[in-house]
Amino acid sequence: MSVLEIIGGIFLIAAGLAIIFFVSLQTEKADGLSGVIMGNDNTVYKGKARSNEEKLAAVTKYCAIVFFVLGLLLNIFVLVAR
């Protein structure tokens, strides 16, 4: 393994851990059966919470893109190096 492969692998692991972290921070979109039966009223905090959720979703999306591109680049680099 070359140094570039090791560094790329470290970045790939870091991107994967970032995806796990940001996905775990996000709240569920569905209220479930209790929200349907009881009527869940979250309209008080819609403004600020929604913008934070959108930011988390965007960061998660960018981490996933970085993970995918790094995975492709590392595989291409390994195939060309051999």
Protein backbone atom coordinates (compact mmCIF):
# COMPACT_ATOMS: atom_id res chain seq x y z
CA MET A 1 0.00 0.00 0.00
CA SER A 2 1.25 3.43 -0.86
CA VAL A 3 1.09 6.48 1.34
CA LEU A 4 -1.62 7.98 -0.88
CA GLU A 5 -3.81 4.91 -0.40
CA ILE A 6 -3.42 5.08 3.37
CA ILE A 7 -4.22 8.81 3.50
CA GLY A 8 -7.19 8.29 1.19
CA GLY A 9 -8.41 5.43 3.35
CA ILE A 10 -8.19 7.62 6.45
CA PHE A 11 -10.23 10.33 4.72
CA LEU A 12 -12.74 7.71 3.58
CA ILE A 13 -13.16 6.44 7.14
CA ALA A 14 -13.51 10.02 8.42
CA ALA A 15 -16.20 10.76 5.82
CA GLY A 16 -18.06 7.58 6.77
CA LEU A 17 -17.93 8.48 10.46
CA ALA A 18 -19.14 12.00 9.64
CA ILE A 19 -22.13 10.55 7.77
CA ILE A 20 -22.98 8.35 10.76
CA PHE A 21 -22.64 11.30 13.14
CA PHE A 22 -24.79 13.73 11.13
CA VAL A 23 -27.47 11.13 10.41
CA SER A 24 -27.71 10.34 14.12
CA LEU A 25 -28.20 14.04 14.91
CA GLN A 26 -31.23 14.31 12.63
CA THR A 27 -34.71 13.87 14.05
CA GLU A 28 -37.31 11.54 12.64
CA LYS A 29 -39.59 13.01 10.00
CA ALA A 30 -42.55 10.81 10.83
CA ASP A 31 -44.62 11.23 13.97
CA GLY A 32 -45.58 7.60 14.08
CA LEU A 33 -48.93 6.20 15.11
CA SER A 34 -49.11 8.17 18.37
CA GLY A 35 -48.74 11.45 16.49
CA VAL A 36 -51.58 10.52 14.18
CA ILE A 37 -53.92 9.43 16.98
CA MET A 38 -53.09 12.11 19.57
CA GLY A 39 -52.37 14.93 17.16
CA ASN A 40 -48.80 16.16 17.41
CA ASP A 41 -48.45 19.95 17.50
CA ASN A 42 -44.91 21.04 16.65
CA THR A 43 -45.88 24.29 14.96
CA VAL A 44 -44.35 26.46 17.72
CA TYR A 45 -40.78 25.50 16.85
CA LYS A 46 -41.14 25.07 13.09
CA GLY A 47 -39.06 28.08 12.04
CA LYS A 48 -35.73 27.55 13.77
CA ALA A 49 -35.87 23.77 14.00
CA ARG A 50 -36.62 23.43 10.33
CA SER A 51 -33.64 25.52 9.30
CA ASN A 52 -31.34 23.45 11.54
CA GLU A 53 -32.76 20.25 10.06
CA GLU A 54 -32.16 21.56 6.56
CA LYS A 55 -28.56 22.41 7.47
CA LEU A 56 -28.00 18.92 8.89
CA ALA A 57 -29.51 17.36 5.78
CA ALA A 58 -27.25 19.45 3.54
CA VAL A 59 -24.11 18.58 5.53
CA THR A 60 -25.07 14.90 5.44
CA LYS A 61 -25.60 15.09 1.68
CA TYR A 62 -22.18 16.68 1.14
CA CYS A 63 -20.48 14.10 3.36
CA ALA A 64 -22.14 11.34 1.33
CA ILE A 65 -20.93 12.92 -1.92
CA VAL A 66 -17.37 13.17 -0.55
CA PHE A 67 -17.55 9.55 0.62
CA PHE A 68 -18.74 8.35 -2.79
CA VAL A 69 -16.16 10.35 -4.76
CA LEU A 70 -13.32 9.29 -2.45
CA GLY A 71 -14.36 5.66 -2.79
CA LEU A 72 -14.35 5.90 -6.57
CA LEU A 73 -11.04 7.75 -6.70
CA LEU A 74 -9.34 5.29 -4.37
CA ASN A 75 -10.56 2.32 -6.38
CA ILE A 76 -9.43 3.90 -9.64
CA PHE A 77 -6.06 4.75 -8.12
CA VAL A 78 -5.53 1.20 -6.85
CA LEU A 79 -6.50 -0.29 -10.22
CA VAL A 80 -4.17 2.04 -12.15
CA ALA A 81 -1.29 1.52 -9.72
CA ARG A 82 -1.32 -2.25 -10.23
